[in-house]
N, C-alpha and C. Protein backbone atom coordinates (compact mmCIF):
# COMPACT_ATOMS: atom_id res chain seq x y z
N MET A 1 0.64 -1.09 0.40
CA MET A 1 0.25 0.02 0.19
C MET A 1 1.03 1.26 -0.30
N ALA A 2 0.50 1.86 -0.65
CA ALA A 2 1.73 3.08 -1.23
C ALA A 2 0.97 4.71 0.00
N HIS A 3 1.60 5.03 0.66
CA HIS A 3 1.45 6.18 1.18
C HIS A 3 1.62 7.74 1.10
N THR A 4 1.21 8.33 1.93
CA THR A 4 1.06 9.66 1.61
C THR A 4 2.02 10.88 2.75
N ILE A 5 3.60 10.43 2.48
CA ILE A 5 4.38 11.36 3.63
C ILE A 5 4.61 12.25 3.55
N LYS A 6 4.92 13.07 4.91
CA LYS A 6 5.15 14.55 4.61
C LYS A 6 6.07 14.50 5.86
N VAL A 7 7.03 15.24 6.00
CA VAL A 7 7.70 15.15 7.44
C VAL A 7 8.02 16.27 7.20
N TYR A 8 7.47 17.60 8.20
CA TYR A 8 7.69 18.98 8.70
C TYR A 8 9.55 18.80 9.25
N GLY A 9 10.53 20.20 9.17
CA GLY A 9 11.35 20.35 9.85
C GLY A 9 12.18 21.74 9.12
N THR A 10 13.46 21.06 9.05
CA THR A 10 14.72 22.16 9.65
C THR A 10 15.61 21.17 9.28
N SER A 11 16.88 21.44 8.43
CA SER A 11 17.92 21.08 8.08
C SER A 11 18.85 20.71 9.52
N THR A 12 19.02 21.52 10.47
CA THR A 12 19.72 21.05 11.28
C THR A 12 19.15 20.21 12.98
N CYS A 13 17.85 19.83 12.21
CA CYS A 13 17.30 19.22 13.26
C CYS A 13 18.28 18.13 13.70
N PRO A 14 18.11 17.08 14.50
CA PRO A 14 19.11 15.69 14.13
C PRO A 14 17.57 14.53 14.36
N TRP A 15 16.65 15.71 14.93
CA TRP A 15 15.57 14.54 15.21
C TRP A 15 15.12 13.92 14.12
N CYS A 16 14.54 15.32 13.16
CA CYS A 16 14.38 15.64 11.42
C CYS A 16 14.82 14.36 10.86
N THR A 17 16.29 14.43 10.38
CA THR A 17 17.05 13.74 9.95
C THR A 17 17.23 12.05 10.31
N LYS A 18 16.78 11.64 11.60
CA LYS A 18 16.81 10.06 12.17
C LYS A 18 15.22 10.01 11.29
N ALA A 19 13.99 10.73 11.56
CA ALA A 19 13.44 10.42 10.33
C ALA A 19 13.17 9.83 9.23
N LYS A 20 13.97 10.90 8.24
CA LYS A 20 14.28 11.03 7.34
C LYS A 20 15.27 9.38 6.95
N ARG A 21 16.06 9.53 7.35
CA ARG A 21 16.84 8.70 7.56
C ARG A 21 16.21 6.62 7.92
N LEU A 22 14.87 6.72 8.61
CA LEU A 22 14.64 5.51 8.94
C LEU A 22 13.75 5.85 8.17
N LEU A 23 12.93 6.46 6.93
CA LEU A 23 11.93 6.77 6.25
C LEU A 23 13.13 5.67 4.88
N ASP A 24 14.15 6.71 4.44
CA ASP A 24 15.23 6.94 3.73
C ASP A 24 15.63 5.42 3.18
N GLU A 25 16.16 4.57 4.22
CA GLU A 25 16.70 3.75 5.15
C GLU A 25 16.10 2.25 4.26
N ASN A 26 14.42 2.27 4.33
CA ASN A 26 13.69 1.39 4.22
C ASN A 26 12.31 2.19 2.95
N ASN A 27 13.00 2.55 1.97
CA ASN A 27 13.33 3.38 0.69
C ASN A 27 11.64 3.72 0.34
N ILE A 28 10.90 4.11 1.17
CA ILE A 28 10.63 5.30 1.60
C ILE A 28 9.55 6.04 1.09
N SER A 29 9.22 6.65 -0.44
CA SER A 29 8.58 7.94 -0.68
C SER A 29 8.22 9.08 0.20
N TYR A 30 8.55 10.14 0.64
CA TYR A 30 8.19 11.45 1.47
C TYR A 30 8.54 12.34 0.55
N GLU A 31 7.54 13.73 1.54
CA GLU A 31 7.49 15.04 0.69
C GLU A 31 8.42 15.41 2.47
N ASP A 32 9.36 16.56 1.89
CA ASP A 32 10.91 16.69 2.72
C ASP A 32 10.15 18.02 2.72
N ILE A 33 9.93 18.86 4.00
CA ILE A 33 9.07 19.96 3.60
C ILE A 33 9.50 20.78 5.20
N ASP A 34 10.90 22.11 4.15
CA ASP A 34 11.52 22.73 5.36
C ASP A 34 10.74 23.95 5.31
N ILE A 35 10.71 23.36 6.71
CA ILE A 35 9.70 24.90 7.85
C ILE A 35 10.25 26.54 7.37
N ILE A 36 11.22 26.75 6.89
CA ILE A 36 12.03 27.99 7.43
C ILE A 36 11.64 28.02 6.13
N SER A 37 12.10 27.55 4.99
CA SER A 37 11.87 28.23 3.38
C SER A 37 9.75 28.19 2.83
N ASN A 38 9.23 26.64 3.71
CA ASN A 38 7.32 26.90 3.66
C ASN A 38 6.77 27.64 5.02
N LYS A 39 6.69 29.01 5.57
CA LYS A 39 6.23 28.67 6.78
C LYS A 39 4.17 28.33 6.59
N LYS A 40 4.13 28.32 5.29
CA LYS A 40 2.68 28.43 5.35
C LYS A 40 2.59 27.59 5.89
N GLU A 41 2.92 26.54 5.60
CA GLU A 41 2.58 24.66 5.68
C GLU A 41 3.01 24.60 6.84
N PHE A 42 3.74 24.89 8.27
CA PHE A 42 3.79 25.14 9.61
C PHE A 42 2.64 25.54 9.53
N GLU A 43 2.10 26.89 9.05
CA GLU A 43 1.34 27.84 10.28
C GLU A 43 -0.02 26.36 9.96
N ILE A 44 -0.05 26.02 8.92
CA ILE A 44 -1.43 25.67 9.18
C ILE A 44 -1.19 23.41 9.84
N ILE A 45 -0.24 23.36 10.05
CA ILE A 45 -0.19 22.55 11.81
C ILE A 45 -0.13 22.94 12.54
N ILE A 46 0.69 24.56 12.69
CA ILE A 46 0.34 24.99 14.11
C ILE A 46 -0.87 25.52 14.73
N ASN A 47 -2.26 25.78 14.02
CA ASN A 47 -3.18 25.89 14.04
C ASN A 47 -4.02 24.28 13.86
N GLU A 48 -3.59 23.37 13.40
CA GLU A 48 -4.47 22.39 13.90
C GLU A 48 -3.59 21.83 14.75
N THR A 49 -2.79 21.84 15.60
CA THR A 49 -2.61 20.65 16.55
C THR A 49 -1.98 22.29 17.57
N GLY A 50 -1.45 22.71 17.37
CA GLY A 50 -0.86 24.15 18.47
C GLY A 50 0.37 23.20 18.30
N TRP A 51 0.76 22.49 18.06
CA TRP A 51 2.20 22.13 18.31
C TRP A 51 3.21 23.17 17.84
N MET A 52 4.62 23.80 18.12
CA MET A 52 5.65 24.37 17.54
C MET A 52 6.49 23.78 17.17
N THR A 53 6.55 21.70 17.29
CA THR A 53 7.85 21.30 17.12
C THR A 53 8.48 20.39 16.23
N VAL A 54 9.25 19.67 16.21
CA VAL A 54 9.92 19.16 15.16
C VAL A 54 10.62 18.23 15.41
N PRO A 55 11.02 17.01 14.44
CA PRO A 55 9.90 16.58 13.13
C PRO A 55 7.97 16.90 13.31
N VAL A 56 7.44 17.36 12.66
CA VAL A 56 6.36 16.82 12.36
C VAL A 56 6.46 15.57 11.56
N ILE A 57 5.34 14.60 11.50
CA ILE A 57 5.32 13.47 10.36
C ILE A 57 4.36 13.30 10.31
N ASP A 58 3.45 13.30 8.86
CA ASP A 58 2.46 13.01 8.29
C ASP A 58 2.20 11.78 7.70
N ILE A 59 1.68 10.64 8.14
CA ILE A 59 1.48 9.38 7.21
C ILE A 59 -0.60 9.60 7.29
N ASP A 60 -0.20 9.79 6.28
CA ASP A 60 -1.57 9.45 4.46
C ASP A 60 -3.26 10.57 6.10
N GLY A 61 -2.87 11.51 6.71
CA GLY A 61 -3.60 13.06 7.10
C GLY A 61 -3.36 12.30 9.11
N GLU A 62 -2.39 11.04 9.45
CA GLU A 62 -2.07 11.36 10.86
C GLU A 62 -0.68 12.07 10.92
N LEU A 63 -0.69 12.44 12.06
CA LEU A 63 -0.11 13.40 12.93
C LEU A 63 0.62 13.47 13.37
N ALA A 64 1.85 12.98 13.76
CA ALA A 64 3.06 13.37 14.95
C ALA A 64 3.67 14.29 15.07
N ALA A 65 3.88 14.55 16.41
CA ALA A 65 4.73 14.86 16.38
C ALA A 65 6.38 14.92 16.74
N GLY A 66 7.22 15.57 16.90
CA GLY A 66 9.25 14.49 17.12
C GLY A 66 9.41 13.13 16.09
N PHE A 67 10.07 12.42 16.58
CA PHE A 67 10.22 10.75 16.44
C PHE A 67 10.75 10.51 17.23
N ASN A 68 8.82 9.98 16.31
CA ASN A 68 8.70 8.20 17.28
C ASN A 68 9.17 7.40 15.83
N GLU A 69 10.13 6.61 16.60
CA GLU A 69 10.15 5.33 15.61
C GLU A 69 8.93 4.65 16.03
N LYS A 70 8.86 4.64 16.85
CA LYS A 70 8.20 2.97 16.70
C LYS A 70 5.99 3.22 16.07
N TRP A 71 5.61 4.46 16.48
CA TRP A 71 4.88 4.88 15.45
C TRP A 71 4.82 5.36 13.81
N ILE A 72 6.45 5.38 13.37
CA ILE A 72 6.09 5.89 12.26
C ILE A 72 6.33 4.12 11.49
N LYS A 73 7.09 3.51 12.47
CA LYS A 73 7.12 1.65 11.95
C LYS A 73 5.84 1.58 12.04
N GLN A 74 5.28 1.68 13.57
CA GLN A 74 3.80 0.91 12.75
C GLN A 74 3.45 1.10 11.89
N LYS A 75 2.64 2.53 11.37
CA LYS A 75 1.63 2.70 10.10
C LYS A 75 2.35 2.67 9.33
N LEU A 76 3.26 2.34 8.69
CA LEU A 76 4.57 1.89 7.94
C LEU A 76 4.37 0.55 7.17
N GLU A 77 3.64 -0.19 8.74
CA GLU A 77 3.76 -1.37 9.08
C GLU A 77 5.23 -2.03 8.74
N LEU A 78 6.43 -2.13 9.02
CA LEU A 78 8.24 -2.41 9.56
C LEU A 78 8.27 -2.70 9.97
N ALA A 79 7.59 -3.36 11.50
CA ALA A 79 7.05 -3.25 12.70
C ALA A 79 7.49 -4.85 12.73
């Protein structure tokens, strides 16, 4: 099953890097959204959730704040 995945983060965020590395290592495509250059996208997340942290991971419309490897693996059936 193909998933729609977005990773909202910054280039200097180590947790963002870990999340993207996990996806890359499992050959899972995702949209990498840099919140510094794309503030409008992140404003939508803030308005929806109140979260002001990165990364925010969107898998098929479900959001998680921070790098939660267990959640990502469960959602993508990698566990």
